[in-house]
Structures are given as C-alpha cells and as structure tokens.
C-alpha atoms as a PDB file:
ATOM      1  CA  UNK A   1     -19.891 -12.932 100.205  1.00  0.00           C
ATOM      2  CA  UNK A   2     -23.144 -13.996  98.271  1.00  0.00           C
ATOM      3  CA  UNK A   3     -21.112 -15.391  95.697  1.00  0.00           C
ATOM      4  CA  UNK A   4     -19.455 -17.772  98.125  1.00  0.00           C
ATOM      5  CA  UNK A   5     -22.505 -18.831  99.513  1.00  0.00           C
ATOM      6  CA  UNK A   6     -23.976 -20.034  96.346  1.00  0.00           C
ATOM      7  CA  UNK A   7     -20.919 -21.873  95.642  1.00  0.00           C
ATOM      8  CA  UNK A   8     -21.526 -23.442  99.129  1.00  0.00           C
ATOM      9  CA  UNK A   9     -25.055 -24.523  98.408  1.00  0.00           C
ATOM     10  CA  UNK A  10     -24.377 -25.716  94.747  1.00  0.00           C
ATOM     11  CA  UNK A  11     -21.090 -27.713  96.011  1.00  0.00           C
ATOM     12  CA  UNK A  12     -23.246 -29.639  99.110  1.00  0.00           C
ATOM     13  CA  UNK A  13     -26.006 -30.487  96.628  1.00  0.00           C
ATOM     14  CA  UNK A  14     -23.284 -31.590  94.280  1.00  0.00           C
ATOM     15  CA  UNK A  15     -21.669 -34.093  96.879  1.00  0.00           C
ATOM     16  CA  UNK A  16     -24.731 -34.998  98.520  1.00  0.00           C
ATOM     17  CA  UNK A  17     -25.992 -36.176  95.143  1.00  0.00           C
ATOM     18  CA  UNK A  18     -22.845 -37.912  93.943  1.00  0.00           C
ATOM     19  CA  UNK A  19     -22.298 -39.703  97.452  1.00  0.00           C
ATOM     20  CA  UNK A  20     -25.698 -41.371  96.571  1.00  0.00           C
ATOM     21  CA  UNK A  21     -24.496 -42.221  93.597  1.00  0.00           C
ATOM     22  CA  UNK A  22     -21.650 -43.826  94.527  1.00  0.00           C
ATOM     23  CA  UNK A  23     -23.231 -45.938  96.913  1.00  0.00           C
ATOM     24  CA  UNK A  24     -26.268 -46.884  94.679  1.00  0.00           C
ATOM     25  CA  UNK A  25     -28.659 -45.022  96.858  1.00  0.00           C
ATOM     26  CA  UNK A  26     -30.348 -43.414  93.805  1.00  0.00           C
ATOM     27  CA  UNK A  27     -32.007 -44.751  90.553  1.00  0.00           C
ATOM     28  CA  UNK A  28     -30.349 -42.118  87.967  1.00  0.00           C
ATOM     29  CA  UNK A  29     -32.393 -40.563  84.959  1.00  0.00           C
ATOM     30  CA  UNK A  30     -30.986 -37.973  82.570  1.00  0.00           C
ATOM     31  CA  UNK A  31     -32.962 -36.271  79.592  1.00  0.00           C
ATOM     32  CA  UNK A  32     -33.542 -33.546  77.582  1.00  0.00           C
ATOM     33  CA  UNK A  33     -36.454 -30.689  78.192  1.00  0.00           C
ATOM     34  CA  UNK A  34     -37.463 -27.570  75.575  1.00  0.00           C
ATOM     35  CA  UNK A  35     -40.064 -25.018  76.265  1.00  0.00           C
ATOM     36  CA  UNK A  36     -40.804 -21.576  76.735  1.00  0.00           C
ATOM     37  CA  UNK A  37     -40.292 -18.826  79.227  1.00  0.00           C
ATOM     38  CA  UNK A  38     -42.610 -16.041  79.856  1.00  0.00           C
ATOM     39  CA  UNK A  39     -40.474 -13.444  81.362  1.00  0.00           C
ATOM     40  CA  UNK A  40     -40.901  -9.844  83.567  1.00  0.00           C
ATOM     41  CA  UNK A  41     -39.212  -7.935  85.476  1.00  0.00           C
ATOM     42  CA  UNK A  42     -40.200  -6.383  88.696  1.00  0.00           C
ATOM     43  CA  UNK A  43     -39.398  -3.399  90.737  1.00  0.00           C
ATOM     44  CA  UNK A  44     -38.331  -0.276  90.257  1.00  0.00           C
ATOM     45  CA  UNK A  45     -39.107   0.907  85.954  1.00  0.00           C
ATOM     46  CA  UNK A  46     -41.252  -1.746  85.157  1.00  0.00           C
ATOM     47  CA  UNK A  47     -44.267  -0.006  84.161  1.00  0.00           C
ATOM     48  CA  UNK A  48     -45.947   0.314  81.083  1.00  0.00           C
ATOM     49  CA  UNK A  49     -43.912  -3.681  80.284  1.00  0.00           C
ATOM     50  CA  UNK A  50     -44.748  -6.803  78.502  1.00  0.00           C
ATOM     51  CA  UNK A  51     -43.489 -10.039  78.763  1.00  0.00           C
ATOM     52  CA  UNK A  52     -40.750 -11.013  76.634  1.00  0.00           C
ATOM     53  CA  UNK A  53     -41.582 -14.564  75.211  1.00  0.00           C
ATOM     54  CA  UNK A  54     -38.102 -17.070  74.237  1.00  0.00           C
ATOM     55  CA  UNK A  55     -37.359 -20.488  73.879  1.00  0.00           C
ATOM     56  CA  UNK A  56     -36.270 -22.190  76.670  1.00  0.00           C
ATOM     57  CA  UNK A  57     -34.438 -25.785  76.808  1.00  0.00           C
ATOM     58  CA  UNK A  58     -31.723 -27.214  78.860  1.00  0.00           C
ATOM     59  CA  UNK A  59     -30.520 -30.911  79.891  1.00  0.00           C
ATOM     60  CA  UNK A  60     -31.503 -32.512  83.214  1.00  0.00           C
ATOM     61  CA  UNK A  61     -31.058 -35.377  86.023  1.00  0.00           C
ATOM     62  CA  UNK A  62     -33.348 -37.126  88.311  1.00  0.00           C
ATOM     63  CA  UNK A  63     -31.796 -38.919  91.168  1.00  0.00           C
ATOM     64  CA  UNK A  64     -34.902 -41.220  92.865  1.00  0.00           C
ATOM     65  CA  UNK A  65     -35.057 -42.025  96.718  1.00  0.00           C
ATOM     66  CA  UNK A  66     -37.336 -42.671  98.575  1.00  0.00           C
ATOM     67  CA  UNK A  67     -40.027 -43.881  96.770  1.00  0.00           C
ATOM     68  CA  UNK A  68     -42.161 -41.186  95.115  1.00  0.00           C
ATOM     69  CA  UNK A  69     -39.535 -38.320  96.361  1.00  0.00           C
ATOM     70  CA  UNK A  70     -36.745 -37.479  93.614  1.00  0.00           C
ATOM     71  CA  UNK A  71     -33.912 -34.493  93.398  1.00  0.00           C
ATOM     72  CA  UNK A  72     -33.621 -33.218  90.007  1.00  0.00           C
ATOM     73  CA  UNK A  73     -31.521 -30.328  88.495  1.00  0.00           C
ATOM     74  CA  UNK A  74     -31.131 -29.304  85.212  1.00  0.00           C
ATOM     75  CA  UNK A  75     -28.863 -26.712  83.550  1.00  0.00           C
ATOM     76  CA  UNK A  76     -31.014 -24.401  80.744  1.00  0.00           C
ATOM     77  CA  UNK A  77     -30.457 -21.828  79.123  1.00  0.00           C
ATOM     78  CA  UNK A  78     -33.100 -19.073  80.448  1.00  0.00           C
ATOM     79  CA  UNK A  79     -33.855 -15.619  78.578  1.00  0.00           C
ATOM     80  CA  UNK A  80     -35.442 -13.109  80.565  1.00  0.00           C
ATOM     81  CA  UNK A  81     -36.061  -9.461  80.409  1.00  0.00           C
ATOM     82  CA  UNK A  82     -38.909  -7.434  79.329  1.00  0.00           C
ATOM     83  CA  UNK A  83     -40.428  -6.013  75.895  1.00  0.00           C
ATOM     84  CA  UNK A  84     -40.800  -1.770  76.721  1.00  0.00           C
ATOM     85  CA  UNK A  85     -43.527  -0.194  75.906  1.00  0.00           C
ATOM     86  CA  UNK A  86     -41.589   1.217  72.461  1.00  0.00           C
ATOM     87  CA  UNK A  87     -41.837  -2.500  71.455  1.00  0.00           C
ATOM     88  CA  UNK A  88     -37.305  -2.395  72.377  1.00  0.00           C
ATOM     89  CA  UNK A  89     -36.505  -5.389  74.414  1.00  0.00           C
ATOM     90  CA  UNK A  90     -34.488  -6.265  77.257  1.00  0.00           C
ATOM     91  CA  UNK A  91     -32.863  -9.343  76.988  1.00  0.00           C
ATOM     92  CA  UNK A  92     -31.121 -11.067  79.518  1.00  0.00           C
ATOM     93  CA  UNK A  93     -30.165 -14.634  78.700  1.00  0.00           C
ATOM     94  CA  UNK A  94     -28.719 -16.593  81.753  1.00  0.00           C
ATOM     95  CA  UNK A  95     -27.155 -19.835  82.119  1.00  0.00           C
ATOM     96  CA  UNK A  96     -29.511 -21.733  84.655  1.00  0.00           C
ATOM     97  CA  UNK A  97     -29.278 -24.378  87.405  1.00  0.00           C
ATOM     98  CA  UNK A  98     -32.217 -25.247  88.905  1.00  0.00           C
ATOM     99  CA  UNK A  99     -31.694 -27.793  92.003  1.00  0.00           C
ATOM    100  CA  UNK A 100     -35.720 -29.046  93.028  1.00  0.00           C
ATOM    101  CA  UNK A 101     -36.951 -31.967  95.157  1.00  0.00           C
ATOM    102  CA  UNK A 102     -40.133 -33.259  93.209  1.00  0.00           C
ATOM    103  CA  UNK A 103     -42.934 -35.280  94.761  1.00  0.00           C
ATOM    104  CA  UNK A 104     -44.758 -37.884  92.758  1.00  0.00           C
ATOM    105  CA  UNK A 105     -48.343 -39.055  93.594  1.00  0.00           C
ATOM    106  CA  UNK A 106     -49.396 -42.545  92.572  1.00  0.00           C
ATOM    107  CA  UNK A 107     -46.971 -45.093  91.882  1.00  0.00           C
ATOM    108  CA  UNK A 108     -48.478 -46.457  88.962  1.00  0.00           C
ATOM    109  CA  UNK A 109     -49.596 -45.118  85.523  1.00  0.00           C
ATOM    110  CA  UNK A 110     -49.892 -41.100  84.862  1.00  0.00           C
ATOM    111  CA  UNK A 111     -47.562 -39.645  88.337  1.00  0.00           C
ATOM    112  CA  UNK A 112     -48.618 -35.632  89.146  1.00  0.00           C
ATOM    113  CA  UNK A 113     -46.070 -33.779  91.261  1.00  0.00           C
ATOM    114  CA  UNK A 114     -44.916 -31.267  92.642  1.00  0.00           C
ATOM    115  CA  UNK A 115     -41.512 -29.332  92.703  1.00  0.00           C
ATOM    116  CA  UNK A 116     -39.441 -26.632  94.589  1.00  0.00           C
ATOM    117  CA  UNK A 117     -36.038 -25.360  95.011  1.00  0.00           C
ATOM    118  CA  UNK A 118     -33.739 -22.723  94.255  1.00  0.00           C
ATOM    119  CA  UNK A 119     -32.542 -21.629  90.968  1.00  0.00           C
ATOM    120  CA  UNK A 120     -28.977 -20.123  90.260  1.00  0.00           C
ATOM    121  CA  UNK A 121     -28.569 -18.236  87.244  1.00  0.00           C
ATOM    122  CA  UNK A 122     -25.337 -16.689  85.949  1.00  0.00           C
ATOM    123  CA  UNK A 123     -25.585 -13.979  82.918  1.00  0.00           C
ATOM    124  CA  UNK A 124     -24.682 -14.918  79.663  1.00  0.00           C
ATOM    125  CA  UNK A 125     -25.775 -11.437  77.708  1.00  0.00           C
ATOM    126  CA  UNK A 126     -27.364  -8.660  78.403  1.00  0.00           C
ATOM    127  CA  UNK A 127     -28.667  -6.215  75.909  1.00  0.00           C
ATOM    128  CA  UNK A 128     -31.316  -3.300  75.332  1.00  0.00           C
ATOM    129  CA  UNK A 129     -32.394  -1.737  72.235  1.00  0.00           C
ATOM    130  CA  UNK A 130     -29.667  -3.645  70.575  1.00  0.00           C
ATOM    131  CA  UNK A 131     -27.214  -2.215  72.924  1.00  0.00           C
ATOM    132  CA  UNK A 132     -25.110  -4.305  75.456  1.00  0.00           C
ATOM    133  CA  UNK A 133     -26.075  -3.300  78.981  1.00  0.00           C
ATOM    134  CA  UNK A 134     -23.665  -5.944  80.953  1.00  0.00           C
ATOM    135  CA  UNK A 135     -22.252  -3.484  82.740  1.00  0.00           C
ATOM    136  CA  UNK A 136     -25.528  -2.446  84.180  1.00  0.00           C
ATOM    137  CA  UNK A 137     -26.452  -5.844  85.125  1.00  0.00           C
ATOM    138  CA  UNK A 138     -24.791  -8.150  88.230  1.00  0.00           C
ATOM    139  CA  UNK A 139     -23.678 -11.344  86.567  1.00  0.00           C
ATOM    140  CA  UNK A 140     -25.524 -13.748  88.997  1.00  0.00           C
ATOM    141  CA  UNK A 141     -29.039 -14.321  90.433  1.00  0.00           C
ATOM    142  CA  UNK A 142     -30.825 -16.261  92.713  1.00  0.00           C
ATOM    143  CA  UNK A 143     -34.693 -17.575  92.591  1.00  0.00           C
ATOM    144  CA  UNK A 144     -37.065 -19.648  93.897  1.00  0.00           C
ATOM    145  CA  UNK A 145     -38.448 -22.412  91.587  1.00  0.00           C
ATOM    146  CA  UNK A 146     -42.022 -23.878  92.466  1.00  0.00           C
ATOM    147  CA  UNK A 147     -44.088 -25.522  90.067  1.00  0.00           C
ATOM    148  CA  UNK A 148     -45.991 -29.008  88.894  1.00  0.00           C
ATOM    149  CA  UNK A 149     -46.220 -31.502  86.253  1.00  0.00           C
ATOM    150  CA  UNK A 150     -47.324 -34.933  84.967  1.00  0.00           C
ATOM    151  CA  UNK A 151     -45.169 -37.854  83.910  1.00  0.00           C
ATOM    152  CA  UNK A 152     -46.118 -40.763  82.557  1.00  0.00           C
ATOM    153  CA  UNK A 153     -44.835 -43.701  80.203  1.00  0.00           C
ATOM    154  CA  UNK A 154     -44.807 -43.581  76.554  1.00  0.00           C
ATOM    155  CA  UNK A 155     -42.804 -46.466  74.340  1.00  0.00           C
ATOM    156  CA  UNK A 156     -40.481 -47.427  77.279  1.00  0.00           C
ATOM    157  CA  UNK A 157     -39.784 -43.723  78.406  1.00  0.00           C
ATOM    158  CA  UNK A 158     -40.983 -40.995  80.490  1.00  0.00           C
ATOM    159  CA  UNK A 159     -42.741 -38.289  78.850  1.00  0.00           C
ATOM    160  CA  UNK A 160     -43.621 -35.217  80.975  1.00  0.00           C
ATOM    161  CA  UNK A 161     -45.148 -32.138  80.561  1.00  0.00           C
ATOM    162  CA  UNK A 162     -44.751 -29.347  83.558  1.00  0.00           C
ATOM    163  CA  UNK A 163     -45.085 -25.591  84.416  1.00  0.00           C
ATOM    164  CA  UNK A 164     -42.601 -23.918  87.100  1.00  0.00           C
ATOM    165  CA  UNK A 165     -42.232 -20.145  88.481  1.00  0.00           C
ATOM    166  CA  UNK A 166     -38.977 -18.744  88.876  1.00  0.00           C
ATOM    167  CA  UNK A 167     -39.165 -15.525  91.691  1.00  0.00           C
ATOM    168  CA  UNK A 168     -36.380 -14.006  91.401  1.00  0.00           C
ATOM    169  CA  UNK A 169     -34.980 -12.799  95.125  1.00  0.00           C
ATOM    170  CA  UNK A 170     -31.552 -10.760  93.837  1.00  0.00           C
ATOM    171  CA  UNK A 171     -32.157  -7.300  92.460  1.00  0.00           C
ATOM    172  CA  UNK A 172     -30.018  -7.913  89.338  1.00  0.00           C
ATOM    173  CA  UNK A 173     -28.940  -3.806  89.056  1.00  0.00           C
ATOM    174  CA  UNK A 174     -25.824  -3.093  89.934  1.00  0.00           C
ATOM    175  CA  UNK A 175     -27.224   0.992  90.835  1.00  0.00           C
ATOM    176  CA  UNK A 176     -27.897   0.954  93.888  1.00  0.00           C
ATOM    177  CA  UNK A 177     -30.649   3.077  93.413  1.00  0.00           C
ATOM    178  CA  UNK A 178     -32.496   1.025  90.979  1.00  0.00           C
ATOM    179  CA  UNK A 179     -34.559  -2.095  91.753  1.00  0.00           C
ATOM    180  CA  UNK A 180     -35.227  -5.102  89.174  1.00  0.00           C
ATOM    181  CA  UNK A 181     -35.980  -8.542  89.918  1.00  0.00           C
ATOM    182  CA  UNK A 182     -36.420 -11.329  87.084  1.00  0.00           C
ATOM    183  CA  UNK A 183     -40.027 -13.352  86.978  1.00  0.00           C
ATOM    184  CA  UNK A 184     -40.428 -16.488  85.283  1.00  0.00           C
ATOM    185  CA  UNK A 185     -43.356 -18.305  84.106  1.00  0.00           C
ATOM    186  CA  UNK A 186     -42.042 -21.523  82.572  1.00  0.00           C
ATOM    187  CA  UNK A 187     -43.917 -24.131  80.269  1.00  0.00           C
ATOM    188  CA  UNK A 188     -41.785 -27.487  79.192  1.00  0.00           C
ATOM    189  CA  UNK A 189     -41.699 -30.879  78.188  1.00  0.00           C
ATOM    190  CA  UNK A 190     -39.331 -33.561  78.986  1.00  0.00           C
ATOM    191  CA  UNK A 191     -38.279 -36.945  77.821  1.00  0.00           C
ATOM    192  CA  UNK A 192     -36.457 -39.349  81.424  1.00  0.00           C
ATOM    193  CA  UNK A 193     -34.734 -42.143  79.908  1.00  0.00           C
END
C-alpha cells in the first residue's frame, strides 16, 4: 500500500511540472551537484556507532515560478548507513529522488534560500562487514528534507552551495522487532545552467 502512495505522489508532481513546462509557466534550469553525505541510523541497536561519510552526487532540475519561488527535483546517488564500533561499515546505497520547494531571498546578487520537501529512495545495495544484507532491508525509504544555501552567478552560470538534512520517516528494517531510520546531513556544491 505504501508503494502505491509513493508512486501517486511522484506521478502527481511529475504531471504538475510537465503541465507547467508545456504551457511556458516555468523557467526550467538543469544542473549537476556533488557533495558529501554524513549518515547514521537512529532506533534500536544503534548505540556505539559513528557517522558514515561518503561522496554523493547527481542531477537536478529547477522549475521557477512566482518570482523567487521554485520547485526543484534531484536524482541522487545517496550512500547511507553507519560505521560500527568494530570499524565495520553498514553500507546502504540508495537512488534518491528529492522534490523540494525553494524560496529565494533578494532578487539580485547573492541569493540565500531555504528549501523543504520529501525524499523517496530506492535501495541499490546493502552490505555489513562485507556481506550482503539486502534481504533484511526494505527496498524503499521515505524522508523529509529541509535545508538552505547560497546561490550566486559566476561567468553567466549559477553556482550554489547548500546544506540539507534528511530525516527518515520509515523503518528500513524488514524485521518487525527492530526499528532503524536513516538520518543524513548533506553538503553540496552545484551548477545550474
């Protein structure tokens, strides 16, 4: 049932954005971003763990409407998980779709902005101590995303630096007696064309 809910939300957002683009209501910009994930897990059996640090990146599209308000969608490779006390990593690698509303401030020069929205993630691989644990982890995850950044122009291109926090809403464990949720801080540098 949750899968249908996720697909319905994604389909609604895509239809909204395509319809707006078709009628020329949006200024569309595309770009790339690279950064760093600082990931951990919260819940049961998450004591004595350290943050897993890994490189993240992807592509994005920004749909401008209503002046300084825009919608942004990003497709990201997003490594999550934790480092255990024994220095073994629990590596959860996801393909994530983030849909955020972005509110910019100041119409000229450097634009500080705030953003918020949902993240839908699909599990690509899951390993702990080098062994696959994909059969123990749910294939989908839902998170709330909040963040902010600075955007500025350089040689006719828009460059931005931003931070995001992804607060996992779903229990990712398939085992009913165990509860684990993703928590990820992200730092990005990006380019919009």
